[in-house]
Amino acid sequence: MNFPSNGLYAITQTEHKSLDTVVNEVESALKGGAVVVQYRDKQPQDAELLASRLLKLCQQYKVPLLINDDVDLAARIGADGVHIGRDDGSIERARQRLGQQAIIGVSCYDSIDYALEAQSQGVNYVAFGRFFPSSSKPLAKPASLETLSLAKQELSIPIVAIGGILPENGSLLLKAGADVLAVIGGLFNEQPEQAAREYQSLFERVKLKSVQ
């Protein structure tokens, strides 16, 4: 399965939620049009069970499931790929562990140089952020819109933006150069299906303007 060239990237919100709730919310996001799902869980109760249930769900919707940070978990359940940060092990190890068909994405924060290096190592997408205040990453260093514009000029793989993205501010990132918007709170703090549809409308509007 390929990483999408544009669309909504749903990242799970698991804190104080049952496995059933997480799965149901993700399904709502998929019904609303999410094109990729990442299982992110900083305090997992039963990571393998939840990840396996999410994988089965994503397969029903023909959407890739990526695992945050944990290459070994991704390998054990047969996930479509992994998202790794700077401290989560090497791109090379992830590729060796998961195979050539796996999707590998990396956090590049606000660094074009890091993104270019990651691209040269064969990642499938790069993610920049945070762009706006974010409850999931409150201490993360802000990234600039200029970084997205430069990335669009210099990279040939999809560009993901993350961090405090709402339907009200997402179009700024798409216009600056982002292809994909990764969202946690803006999706799962609301009614996920309706919220997903609102994000999807951003892509349709930006695409329409580019054609005109």
N, C-alpha and C. Protein backbone atom coordinates (compact mmCIF):
# COMPACT_ATOMS: atom_id res chain seq x y z
N MET A 1 0.85 -1.19 0.00
CA MET A 1 0.00 0.00 0.00
C MET A 1 0.89 1.24 0.00
N ASN A 2 0.50 2.23 -0.79
CA ASN A 2 1.30 3.45 -0.91
C ASN A 2 0.84 4.52 0.07
N PHE A 3 1.77 5.41 0.40
CA PHE A 3 1.39 6.56 1.22
C PHE A 3 0.66 7.55 0.31
N PRO A 4 -0.46 8.13 0.78
CA PRO A 4 -1.25 9.02 -0.08
C PRO A 4 -0.51 10.30 -0.43
N SER A 5 -0.80 10.82 -1.60
CA SER A 5 -0.16 12.06 -2.05
C SER A 5 -0.83 13.30 -1.46
N ASN A 6 -2.05 13.15 -0.95
CA ASN A 6 -2.69 14.25 -0.22
C ASN A 6 -3.85 13.69 0.60
N GLY A 7 -4.31 14.49 1.57
CA GLY A 7 -5.45 14.07 2.37
C GLY A 7 -5.20 14.17 3.87
N LEU A 8 -6.17 13.67 4.62
CA LEU A 8 -6.16 13.76 6.08
C LEU A 8 -5.49 12.53 6.70
N TYR A 9 -4.56 12.78 7.59
CA TYR A 9 -3.76 11.76 8.28
C TYR A 9 -4.23 11.75 9.73
N ALA A 10 -4.97 10.73 10.11
CA ALA A 10 -5.54 10.64 11.46
C ALA A 10 -4.56 9.96 12.41
N ILE A 11 -4.26 10.61 13.51
CA ILE A 11 -3.38 10.04 14.54
C ILE A 11 -4.21 9.79 15.79
N THR A 12 -4.14 8.56 16.29
CA THR A 12 -5.04 8.17 17.37
C THR A 12 -4.86 9.02 18.62
N GLN A 13 -5.97 9.22 19.31
CA GLN A 13 -6.00 9.87 20.62
C GLN A 13 -6.46 8.81 21.62
N THR A 14 -5.53 8.31 22.43
CA THR A 14 -5.81 7.13 23.25
C THR A 14 -5.95 7.40 24.74
N GLU A 15 -5.54 8.58 25.20
CA GLU A 15 -5.52 8.86 26.63
C GLU A 15 -6.90 8.72 27.26
N HIS A 16 -6.98 7.91 28.32
CA HIS A 16 -8.21 7.71 29.10
C HIS A 16 -9.37 7.18 28.25
N LYS A 17 -9.05 6.43 27.22
CA LYS A 17 -10.09 5.87 26.36
C LYS A 17 -9.94 4.35 26.29
N SER A 18 -11.06 3.67 26.22
CA SER A 18 -11.04 2.22 26.07
C SER A 18 -10.62 1.85 24.65
N LEU A 19 -10.21 0.59 24.47
CA LEU A 19 -9.85 0.12 23.13
C LEU A 19 -11.01 0.29 22.17
N ASP A 20 -12.22 -0.06 22.64
CA ASP A 20 -13.40 0.05 21.78
C ASP A 20 -13.63 1.48 21.34
N THR A 21 -13.46 2.41 22.27
CA THR A 21 -13.66 3.83 21.93
C THR A 21 -12.68 4.28 20.87
N VAL A 22 -11.41 3.92 21.02
CA VAL A 22 -10.38 4.31 20.05
C VAL A 22 -10.72 3.75 18.67
N VAL A 23 -11.08 2.47 18.63
CA VAL A 23 -11.41 1.84 17.35
C VAL A 23 -12.63 2.50 16.72
N ASN A 24 -13.66 2.76 17.52
CA ASN A 24 -14.87 3.39 16.99
C ASN A 24 -14.60 4.80 16.47
N GLU A 25 -13.76 5.54 17.19
CA GLU A 25 -13.43 6.89 16.73
C GLU A 25 -12.64 6.87 15.43
N VAL A 26 -11.71 5.94 15.33
CA VAL A 26 -10.93 5.83 14.10
C VAL A 26 -11.83 5.45 12.93
N GLU A 27 -12.78 4.56 13.17
CA GLU A 27 -13.70 4.20 12.09
C GLU A 27 -14.52 5.42 11.66
N SER A 28 -14.92 6.24 12.60
CA SER A 28 -15.65 7.45 12.25
C SER A 28 -14.79 8.37 11.38
N ALA A 29 -13.52 8.50 11.73
CA ALA A 29 -12.60 9.33 10.93
C ALA A 29 -12.44 8.76 9.53
N LEU A 30 -12.37 7.44 9.43
CA LEU A 30 -12.26 6.80 8.11
C LEU A 30 -13.52 7.03 7.29
N LYS A 31 -14.68 6.94 7.93
CA LYS A 31 -15.93 7.22 7.22
C LYS A 31 -15.96 8.66 6.72
N GLY A 32 -15.32 9.56 7.47
CA GLY A 32 -15.28 10.96 7.07
C GLY A 32 -14.24 11.28 6.01
N GLY A 33 -13.39 10.30 5.70
CA GLY A 33 -12.46 10.49 4.59
C GLY A 33 -10.98 10.47 4.92
N ALA A 34 -10.59 10.11 6.14
CA ALA A 34 -9.16 10.00 6.46
C ALA A 34 -8.50 9.00 5.52
N VAL A 35 -7.29 9.33 5.05
CA VAL A 35 -6.62 8.50 4.04
C VAL A 35 -5.44 7.70 4.60
N VAL A 36 -5.07 7.97 5.84
CA VAL A 36 -4.02 7.21 6.51
C VAL A 36 -4.24 7.33 8.01
N VAL A 37 -3.89 6.27 8.77
CA VAL A 37 -4.05 6.27 10.22
C VAL A 37 -2.72 5.91 10.86
N GLN A 38 -2.40 6.63 11.92
CA GLN A 38 -1.21 6.29 12.73
C GLN A 38 -1.66 5.91 14.13
N TYR A 39 -1.19 4.75 14.58
CA TYR A 39 -1.43 4.35 15.97
C TYR A 39 -0.33 4.96 16.83
N ARG A 40 -0.72 5.94 17.63
CA ARG A 40 0.19 6.61 18.55
C ARG A 40 -0.37 6.44 19.94
N ASP A 41 0.45 5.95 20.87
CA ASP A 41 -0.03 5.66 22.22
C ASP A 41 1.15 5.73 23.18
N LYS A 42 1.23 6.82 23.93
CA LYS A 42 2.39 7.03 24.80
C LYS A 42 2.29 6.24 26.10
N GLN A 43 1.10 5.75 26.45
CA GLN A 43 0.94 4.92 27.65
C GLN A 43 0.07 3.71 27.32
N PRO A 44 0.56 2.82 26.49
CA PRO A 44 -0.29 1.71 26.02
C PRO A 44 -0.64 0.71 27.10
N GLN A 45 -1.89 0.27 27.07
CA GLN A 45 -2.34 -0.80 27.96
C GLN A 45 -2.16 -2.16 27.30
N ASP A 46 -2.56 -2.25 26.04
CA ASP A 46 -2.40 -3.49 25.28
C ASP A 46 -2.16 -3.11 23.83
N ALA A 47 -0.94 -2.67 23.56
CA ALA A 47 -0.62 -2.08 22.27
C ALA A 47 -0.84 -3.06 21.12
N GLU A 48 -0.44 -4.31 21.32
CA GLU A 48 -0.53 -5.26 20.22
C GLU A 48 -1.99 -5.56 19.85
N LEU A 49 -2.85 -5.67 20.86
CA LEU A 49 -4.26 -5.93 20.59
C LEU A 49 -4.91 -4.74 19.89
N LEU A 50 -4.67 -3.54 20.40
CA LEU A 50 -5.29 -2.37 19.79
C LEU A 50 -4.75 -2.14 18.39
N ALA A 51 -3.45 -2.26 18.21
CA ALA A 51 -2.86 -2.07 16.89
C ALA A 51 -3.40 -3.08 15.89
N SER A 52 -3.58 -4.31 16.33
CA SER A 52 -4.12 -5.36 15.45
C SER A 52 -5.56 -5.05 15.05
N ARG A 53 -6.35 -4.56 16.00
CA ARG A 53 -7.74 -4.20 15.68
C ARG A 53 -7.78 -3.02 14.70
N LEU A 54 -6.90 -2.06 14.90
CA LEU A 54 -6.85 -0.92 13.99
C LEU A 54 -6.40 -1.34 12.60
N LEU A 55 -5.47 -2.27 12.54
CA LEU A 55 -5.00 -2.76 11.24
C LEU A 55 -6.14 -3.42 10.47
N LYS A 56 -6.89 -4.26 11.16
CA LYS A 56 -8.02 -4.94 10.52
C LYS A 56 -9.03 -3.92 10.00
N LEU A 57 -9.29 -2.89 10.81
CA LEU A 57 -10.23 -1.83 10.42
C LEU A 57 -9.71 -1.09 9.19
N CYS A 58 -8.43 -0.71 9.22
CA CYS A 58 -7.85 0.04 8.10
C CYS A 58 -7.86 -0.80 6.82
N GLN A 59 -7.65 -2.08 6.95
CA GLN A 59 -7.69 -2.95 5.78
C GLN A 59 -9.07 -2.96 5.14
N GLN A 60 -10.11 -2.89 5.99
CA GLN A 60 -11.49 -2.84 5.46
C GLN A 60 -11.71 -1.58 4.63
N TYR A 61 -11.07 -0.50 5.04
CA TYR A 61 -11.23 0.77 4.34
C TYR A 61 -10.13 1.02 3.30
N LYS A 62 -9.22 0.04 3.16
CA LYS A 62 -8.11 0.14 2.20
C LYS A 62 -7.27 1.39 2.44
N VAL A 63 -6.95 1.60 3.72
CA VAL A 63 -6.16 2.75 4.17
C VAL A 63 -4.96 2.21 4.95
N PRO A 64 -3.76 2.75 4.75
CA PRO A 64 -2.60 2.24 5.48
C PRO A 64 -2.63 2.58 6.97
N LEU A 65 -2.18 1.61 7.78
CA LEU A 65 -1.97 1.85 9.22
C LEU A 65 -0.47 1.91 9.48
N LEU A 66 -0.04 3.01 10.09
CA LEU A 66 1.35 3.18 10.49
C LEU A 66 1.43 3.14 12.01
N ILE A 67 2.55 2.67 12.52
CA ILE A 67 2.78 2.62 13.96
C ILE A 67 3.77 3.71 14.34
N ASN A 68 3.44 4.47 15.35
CA ASN A 68 4.35 5.52 15.82
C ASN A 68 5.47 4.93 16.66
N ASP A 69 6.69 5.25 16.31
CA ASP A 69 7.90 4.93 17.09
C ASP A 69 8.33 3.46 17.08
N ASP A 70 7.39 2.53 17.13
CA ASP A 70 7.71 1.14 17.48
C ASP A 70 7.82 0.25 16.24
N VAL A 71 9.04 0.13 15.71
CA VAL A 71 9.28 -0.68 14.51
C VAL A 71 8.96 -2.15 14.78
N ASP A 72 9.30 -2.62 15.96
CA ASP A 72 9.07 -4.04 16.28
C ASP A 72 7.58 -4.36 16.35
N LEU A 73 6.79 -3.47 16.92
CA LEU A 73 5.34 -3.69 16.95
C LEU A 73 4.78 -3.70 15.52
N ALA A 74 5.24 -2.78 14.71
CA ALA A 74 4.79 -2.76 13.32
C ALA A 74 5.10 -4.08 12.62
N ALA A 75 6.28 -4.62 12.88
CA ALA A 75 6.67 -5.90 12.26
C ALA A 75 5.81 -7.04 12.79
N ARG A 76 5.55 -7.05 14.09
CA ARG A 76 4.79 -8.16 14.69
C ARG A 76 3.38 -8.27 14.16
N ILE A 77 2.71 -7.13 13.97
CA ILE A 77 1.31 -7.20 13.54
C ILE A 77 1.15 -7.11 12.03
N GLY A 78 2.24 -6.82 11.33
CA GLY A 78 2.15 -6.69 9.88
C GLY A 78 1.55 -5.37 9.43
N ALA A 79 1.83 -4.31 10.18
CA ALA A 79 1.33 -2.98 9.82
C ALA A 79 1.93 -2.54 8.49
N ASP A 80 1.33 -1.52 7.89
CA ASP A 80 1.80 -1.04 6.60
C ASP A 80 3.09 -0.24 6.69
N GLY A 81 3.43 0.20 7.91
CA GLY A 81 4.66 0.97 8.05
C GLY A 81 4.80 1.58 9.42
N VAL A 82 5.69 2.56 9.50
CA VAL A 82 6.05 3.14 10.79
C VAL A 82 6.36 4.62 10.60
N HIS A 83 6.14 5.37 11.67
CA HIS A 83 6.57 6.77 11.71
C HIS A 83 7.60 6.90 12.83
N ILE A 84 8.76 7.42 12.50
CA ILE A 84 9.83 7.50 13.51
C ILE A 84 10.32 8.93 13.68
N GLY A 85 10.67 9.24 14.92
CA GLY A 85 11.28 10.52 15.25
C GLY A 85 12.79 10.38 15.27
N ARG A 86 13.43 11.45 15.62
CA ARG A 86 14.89 11.49 15.58
C ARG A 86 15.52 10.49 16.55
N ASP A 87 14.80 10.14 17.62
CA ASP A 87 15.37 9.27 18.65
C ASP A 87 14.78 7.85 18.62
N ASP A 88 14.11 7.49 17.55
CA ASP A 88 13.40 6.21 17.49
C ASP A 88 14.12 5.15 16.67
N GLY A 89 15.41 5.31 16.48
CA GLY A 89 16.15 4.32 15.69
C GLY A 89 16.34 4.81 14.26
N SER A 90 17.17 4.11 13.52
CA SER A 90 17.55 4.57 12.19
C SER A 90 16.54 4.18 11.12
N ILE A 91 16.54 4.96 10.07
CA ILE A 91 15.72 4.65 8.90
C ILE A 91 16.18 3.31 8.31
N GLU A 92 17.46 3.10 8.29
CA GLU A 92 18.02 1.86 7.74
C GLU A 92 17.49 0.63 8.49
N ARG A 93 17.48 0.70 9.82
CA ARG A 93 16.98 -0.44 10.59
C ARG A 93 15.50 -0.68 10.33
N ALA A 94 14.73 0.41 10.27
CA ALA A 94 13.30 0.27 10.00
C ALA A 94 13.06 -0.40 8.65
N ARG A 95 13.83 0.00 7.65
CA ARG A 95 13.67 -0.58 6.32
C ARG A 95 14.05 -2.06 6.32
N GLN A 96 15.14 -2.38 7.00
CA GLN A 96 15.57 -3.79 7.07
C GLN A 96 14.54 -4.64 7.80
N ARG A 97 13.95 -4.10 8.84
CA ARG A 97 13.00 -4.86 9.67
C ARG A 97 11.66 -5.03 8.97
N LEU A 98 11.24 -4.00 8.24
CA LEU A 98 9.88 -3.99 7.69
C LEU A 98 9.82 -4.32 6.20
N GLY A 99 10.93 -4.19 5.50
CA GLY A 99 10.94 -4.55 4.09
C GLY A 99 10.76 -3.37 3.16
N GLN A 100 11.00 -3.63 1.89
CA GLN A 100 10.98 -2.56 0.89
C GLN A 100 9.58 -2.00 0.65
N GLN A 101 8.54 -2.81 0.89
CA GLN A 101 7.18 -2.35 0.61
C GLN A 101 6.61 -1.48 1.72
N ALA A 102 7.25 -1.47 2.88
CA ALA A 102 6.72 -0.72 4.03
C ALA A 102 6.79 0.78 3.81
N ILE A 103 5.82 1.47 4.38
CA ILE A 103 5.83 2.94 4.40
C ILE A 103 6.65 3.39 5.61
N ILE A 104 7.63 4.23 5.37
CA ILE A 104 8.43 4.80 6.46
C ILE A 104 8.37 6.31 6.36
N GLY A 105 7.91 6.93 7.44
CA GLY A 105 7.87 8.38 7.51
C GLY A 105 8.70 8.87 8.68
N VAL A 106 9.21 10.08 8.58
CA VAL A 106 10.06 10.61 9.65
C VAL A 106 9.65 12.02 10.03
N SER A 107 9.82 12.33 11.31
CA SER A 107 9.63 13.69 11.80
C SER A 107 10.87 14.50 11.49
N CYS A 108 10.69 15.63 10.81
CA CYS A 108 11.82 16.50 10.46
C CYS A 108 11.74 17.84 11.16
N TYR A 109 10.72 18.03 12.01
CA TYR A 109 10.61 19.21 12.86
C TYR A 109 10.58 20.47 11.99
N ASP A 110 11.67 21.23 11.94
CA ASP A 110 11.71 22.43 11.09
C ASP A 110 12.96 22.42 10.22
N SER A 111 13.46 21.21 9.91
CA SER A 111 14.76 21.09 9.25
C SER A 111 14.64 20.54 7.83
N ILE A 112 14.91 21.40 6.85
CA ILE A 112 14.96 20.95 5.45
C ILE A 112 16.12 19.99 5.24
N ASP A 113 17.26 20.27 5.87
CA ASP A 113 18.43 19.40 5.70
C ASP A 113 18.14 17.98 6.17
N TYR A 114 17.47 17.86 7.30
CA TYR A 114 17.13 16.53 7.82
C TYR A 114 16.17 15.83 6.86
N ALA A 115 15.24 16.60 6.30
CA ALA A 115 14.28 16.02 5.35
C ALA A 115 14.97 15.54 4.08
N LEU A 116 15.91 16.32 3.59
CA LEU A 116 16.65 15.92 2.38
C LEU A 116 17.47 14.66 2.63
N GLU A 117 18.07 14.58 3.81
CA GLU A 117 18.84 13.39 4.17
C GLU A 117 17.92 12.18 4.27
N ALA A 118 16.76 12.37 4.89
CA ALA A 118 15.80 11.27 5.02
C ALA A 118 15.32 10.80 3.64
N GLN A 119 15.05 11.76 2.76
CA GLN A 119 14.63 11.39 1.41
C GLN A 119 15.71 10.57 0.71
N SER A 120 16.96 10.95 0.89
CA SER A 120 18.06 10.22 0.26
C SER A 120 18.18 8.80 0.80
N GLN A 121 17.65 8.58 2.01
CA GLN A 121 17.68 7.25 2.61
C GLN A 121 16.43 6.42 2.28
N GLY A 122 15.57 6.98 1.46
CA GLY A 122 14.45 6.20 0.94
C GLY A 122 13.17 6.23 1.74
N VAL A 123 12.95 7.27 2.56
CA VAL A 123 11.67 7.34 3.28
C VAL A 123 10.54 7.66 2.30
N ASN A 124 9.32 7.38 2.72
CA ASN A 124 8.17 7.57 1.85
C ASN A 124 7.49 8.92 2.02
N TYR A 125 7.72 9.56 3.18
CA TYR A 125 7.22 10.91 3.40
C TYR A 125 8.00 11.53 4.54
N VAL A 126 7.93 12.86 4.63
CA VAL A 126 8.53 13.59 5.75
C VAL A 126 7.45 14.43 6.40
N ALA A 127 7.60 14.65 7.70
CA ALA A 127 6.62 15.45 8.45
C ALA A 127 7.32 16.62 9.12
N PHE A 128 6.73 17.79 8.99
CA PHE A 128 7.24 19.00 9.64
C PHE A 128 6.22 19.49 10.67
N GLY A 129 6.70 20.12 11.73
CA GLY A 129 5.80 20.69 12.73
C GLY A 129 6.46 20.72 14.10
N ARG A 130 5.83 21.40 15.05
CA ARG A 130 4.44 21.80 15.04
C ARG A 130 4.27 23.20 14.45
N PHE A 131 3.14 23.44 13.82
CA PHE A 131 2.89 24.74 13.19
C PHE A 131 2.05 25.67 14.06
N PHE A 132 1.20 25.08 14.91
CA PHE A 132 0.35 25.86 15.80
C PHE A 132 0.43 25.25 17.19
N PRO A 133 0.00 25.97 18.23
CA PRO A 133 0.02 25.38 19.58
C PRO A 133 -0.69 24.03 19.61
N SER A 134 -0.06 23.07 20.28
CA SER A 134 -0.56 21.69 20.24
C SER A 134 -0.56 21.09 21.64
N SER A 135 -1.69 20.51 22.04
CA SER A 135 -1.77 19.87 23.35
C SER A 135 -0.99 18.56 23.40
N SER A 136 -0.81 17.90 22.25
CA SER A 136 -0.07 16.63 22.25
C SER A 136 1.44 16.85 22.25
N LYS A 137 1.89 18.01 21.75
CA LYS A 137 3.32 18.34 21.75
C LYS A 137 3.50 19.79 22.19
N PRO A 138 3.16 20.09 23.46
CA PRO A 138 3.16 21.49 23.90
C PRO A 138 4.54 22.13 23.93
N LEU A 139 5.59 21.32 24.08
CA LEU A 139 6.95 21.87 24.19
C LEU A 139 7.73 21.80 22.89
N ALA A 140 7.10 21.28 21.84
CA ALA A 140 7.79 21.14 20.56
C ALA A 140 8.13 22.51 19.98
N LYS A 141 9.30 22.60 19.39
CA LYS A 141 9.72 23.85 18.75
C LYS A 141 8.84 24.15 17.55
N PRO A 142 8.38 25.37 17.40
CA PRO A 142 7.52 25.69 16.26
C PRO A 142 8.26 25.55 14.92
N ALA A 143 7.51 25.20 13.90
CA ALA A 143 8.02 25.17 12.53
C ALA A 143 7.39 26.32 11.76
N SER A 144 8.04 26.73 10.68
CA SER A 144 7.57 27.91 9.94
C SER A 144 6.94 27.51 8.61
N LEU A 145 6.05 28.37 8.14
CA LEU A 145 5.44 28.16 6.83
C LEU A 145 6.49 28.19 5.73
N GLU A 146 7.53 28.96 5.93
CA GLU A 146 8.60 29.03 4.93
C GLU A 146 9.27 27.67 4.73
N THR A 147 9.34 26.89 5.82
CA THR A 147 9.92 25.55 5.71
C THR A 147 9.11 24.70 4.74
N LEU A 148 7.79 24.79 4.81
CA LEU A 148 6.94 24.03 3.89
C LEU A 148 7.17 24.47 2.44
N SER A 149 7.29 25.77 2.24
CA SER A 149 7.51 26.28 0.88
C SER A 149 8.83 25.79 0.31
N LEU A 150 9.88 25.82 1.13
CA LEU A 150 11.18 25.32 0.68
C LEU A 150 11.14 23.83 0.43
N ALA A 151 10.45 23.11 1.32
CA ALA A 151 10.33 21.66 1.17
C ALA A 151 9.65 21.31 -0.14
N LYS A 152 8.60 22.07 -0.49
CA LYS A 152 7.87 21.80 -1.72
C LYS A 152 8.78 21.95 -2.94
N GLN A 153 9.70 22.88 -2.86
CA GLN A 153 10.62 23.12 -3.97
C GLN A 153 11.70 22.04 -4.06
N GLU A 154 12.13 21.52 -2.91
CA GLU A 154 13.32 20.68 -2.89
C GLU A 154 13.07 19.19 -2.73
N LEU A 155 11.86 18.81 -2.33
CA LEU A 155 11.58 17.39 -2.09
C LEU A 155 10.65 16.82 -3.16
N SER A 156 10.76 15.53 -3.38
CA SER A 156 9.90 14.87 -4.37
C SER A 156 8.96 13.85 -3.73
N ILE A 157 8.92 13.80 -2.40
CA ILE A 157 8.04 12.88 -1.67
C ILE A 157 6.98 13.70 -0.94
N PRO A 158 5.87 13.06 -0.52
CA PRO A 158 4.81 13.82 0.17
C PRO A 158 5.30 14.52 1.43
N ILE A 159 4.72 15.69 1.67
CA ILE A 159 5.07 16.53 2.81
C ILE A 159 3.88 16.58 3.75
N VAL A 160 4.11 16.19 4.99
CA VAL A 160 3.06 16.17 6.02
C VAL A 160 3.29 17.33 6.98
N ALA A 161 2.22 18.02 7.34
CA ALA A 161 2.28 19.06 8.37
C ALA A 161 1.53 18.56 9.59
N ILE A 162 2.04 18.89 10.78
CA ILE A 162 1.43 18.44 12.03
C ILE A 162 1.54 19.53 13.09
N GLY A 163 0.60 19.52 14.03
CA GLY A 163 0.71 20.39 15.18
C GLY A 163 -0.36 21.45 15.26
N GLY A 164 -1.44 21.17 16.00
CA GLY A 164 -2.47 22.16 16.24
C GLY A 164 -3.29 22.53 15.02
N ILE A 165 -3.38 21.62 14.07
CA ILE A 165 -4.07 21.93 12.81
C ILE A 165 -5.58 21.76 12.96
N LEU A 166 -6.31 22.79 12.56
CA LEU A 166 -7.77 22.82 12.61
C LEU A 166 -8.31 23.12 11.21
N PRO A 167 -9.58 22.83 10.98
CA PRO A 167 -10.14 23.21 9.68
C PRO A 167 -9.97 24.70 9.38
N GLU A 168 -9.90 25.51 10.44
CA GLU A 168 -9.79 26.96 10.24
C GLU A 168 -8.39 27.40 9.81
N ASN A 169 -7.36 26.64 10.15
CA ASN A 169 -6.00 27.09 9.81
C ASN A 169 -5.29 26.15 8.82
N GLY A 170 -5.90 25.02 8.51
CA GLY A 170 -5.23 24.04 7.66
C GLY A 170 -4.92 24.53 6.26
N SER A 171 -5.78 25.40 5.71
CA SER A 171 -5.55 25.86 4.34
C SER A 171 -4.25 26.65 4.22
N LEU A 172 -3.83 27.33 5.29
CA LEU A 172 -2.55 28.05 5.27
C LEU A 172 -1.39 27.09 4.98
N LEU A 173 -1.45 25.90 5.57
CA LEU A 173 -0.39 24.92 5.40
C LEU A 173 -0.43 24.30 4.01
N LEU A 174 -1.62 24.04 3.50
CA LEU A 174 -1.74 23.48 2.16
C LEU A 174 -1.24 24.49 1.12
N LYS A 175 -1.57 25.74 1.30
CA LYS A 175 -1.11 26.77 0.35
C LYS A 175 0.40 26.95 0.43
N ALA A 176 0.98 26.73 1.62
CA ALA A 176 2.42 26.90 1.78
C ALA A 176 3.21 25.73 1.19
N GLY A 177 2.54 24.56 1.03
CA GLY A 177 3.28 23.44 0.44
C GLY A 177 3.00 22.08 1.02
N ALA A 178 2.23 22.00 2.10
CA ALA A 178 1.91 20.69 2.67
C ALA A 178 0.99 19.92 1.74
N ASP A 179 1.20 18.61 1.67
CA ASP A 179 0.33 17.72 0.89
C ASP A 179 -0.70 17.03 1.78
N VAL A 180 -0.29 16.72 3.00
CA VAL A 180 -1.09 15.92 3.93
C VAL A 180 -1.13 16.65 5.27
N LEU A 181 -2.29 16.64 5.93
CA LEU A 181 -2.43 17.25 7.26
C LEU A 181 -2.63 16.15 8.29
N ALA A 182 -1.73 16.09 9.28
CA ALA A 182 -1.81 15.10 10.35
C ALA A 182 -2.47 15.74 11.57
N VAL A 183 -3.50 15.07 12.09
CA VAL A 183 -4.34 15.69 13.11
C VAL A 183 -4.67 14.70 14.22
N ILE A 184 -4.63 15.19 15.46
CA ILE A 184 -5.10 14.41 16.61
C ILE A 184 -6.31 15.11 17.22
N GLY A 185 -6.06 16.16 18.00
CA GLY A 185 -7.12 16.82 18.75
C GLY A 185 -8.21 17.42 17.88
N GLY A 186 -7.83 18.06 16.78
CA GLY A 186 -8.82 18.68 15.91
C GLY A 186 -9.79 17.68 15.32
N LEU A 187 -9.39 16.42 15.33
CA LEU A 187 -10.23 15.34 14.81
C LEU A 187 -10.99 14.65 15.94
N PHE A 188 -10.25 14.26 16.98
CA PHE A 188 -10.84 13.40 18.01
C PHE A 188 -11.37 14.13 19.23
N ASN A 189 -11.15 15.45 19.31
CA ASN A 189 -11.82 16.24 20.35
C ASN A 189 -13.25 16.57 19.93
N GLU A 190 -13.56 16.34 18.65
CA GLU A 190 -14.85 16.70 18.09
C GLU A 190 -15.59 15.40 17.72
N GLN A 191 -16.57 15.53 16.86
CA GLN A 191 -17.22 14.36 16.26
C GLN A 191 -16.33 13.95 15.09
N PRO A 192 -15.61 12.83 15.19
CA PRO A 192 -14.56 12.55 14.21
C PRO A 192 -15.02 12.49 12.75
N GLU A 193 -16.19 11.91 12.50
CA GLU A 193 -16.63 11.81 11.10
C GLU A 193 -16.89 13.19 10.51
N GLN A 194 -17.60 14.02 11.25
CA GLN A 194 -17.89 15.36 10.76
C GLN A 194 -16.61 16.18 10.65
N ALA A 195 -15.74 16.08 11.65
CA ALA A 195 -14.48 16.82 11.60
C ALA A 195 -13.65 16.40 10.40
N ALA A 196 -13.59 15.09 10.12
CA ALA A 196 -12.83 14.60 8.98
C ALA A 196 -13.37 15.18 7.68
N ARG A 197 -14.68 15.28 7.58
CA ARG A 197 -15.27 15.85 6.36
C ARG A 197 -14.88 17.32 6.20
N GLU A 198 -14.78 18.03 7.32
CA GLU A 198 -14.38 19.44 7.26
C GLU A 198 -12.94 19.59 6.78
N TYR A 199 -12.08 18.69 7.25
CA TYR A 199 -10.69 18.72 6.76
C TYR A 199 -10.64 18.37 5.27
N GLN A 200 -11.40 17.35 4.89
CA GLN A 200 -11.39 16.94 3.49
C GLN A 200 -11.82 18.08 2.56
N SER A 201 -12.73 18.89 3.03
CA SER A 201 -13.19 20.01 2.19
C SER A 201 -12.06 21.01 1.93
N LEU A 202 -11.09 21.10 2.84
CA LEU A 202 -9.94 21.98 2.62
C LEU A 202 -9.17 21.54 1.38
N PHE A 203 -8.92 20.23 1.29
CA PHE A 203 -8.16 19.72 0.14
C PHE A 203 -8.92 19.97 -1.16
N GLU A 204 -10.21 19.79 -1.12
CA GLU A 204 -11.02 20.00 -2.34
C GLU A 204 -11.01 21.47 -2.75
N ARG A 205 -11.06 22.37 -1.78
CA ARG A 205 -11.05 23.81 -2.12
C ARG A 205 -9.71 24.23 -2.66
N VAL A 206 -8.63 23.77 -2.03
CA VAL A 206 -7.29 24.14 -2.50
C VAL A 206 -7.04 23.57 -3.88
N LYS A 207 -7.49 22.32 -4.12
CA LYS A 207 -7.32 21.68 -5.42
C LYS A 207 -8.11 22.45 -6.48
N LEU A 208 -9.31 22.88 -6.14
CA LEU A 208 -10.15 23.62 -7.07
C LEU A 208 -9.50 24.94 -7.47
N LYS A 209 -8.91 25.63 -6.49
CA LYS A 209 -8.26 26.91 -6.77
C LYS A 209 -7.04 26.74 -7.66
N SER A 210 -6.33 25.61 -7.48
CA SER A 210 -5.13 25.37 -8.28
C SER A 210 -5.48 25.10 -9.75
N VAL A 211 -6.69 24.62 -9.99
CA VAL A 211 -7.14 24.33 -11.35
C VAL A 211 -7.62 25.61 -12.05
N GLN A 212 -8.19 26.52 -11.26
CA GLN A 212 -8.77 27.74 -11.83
C GLN A 212 -7.69 28.67 -12.38
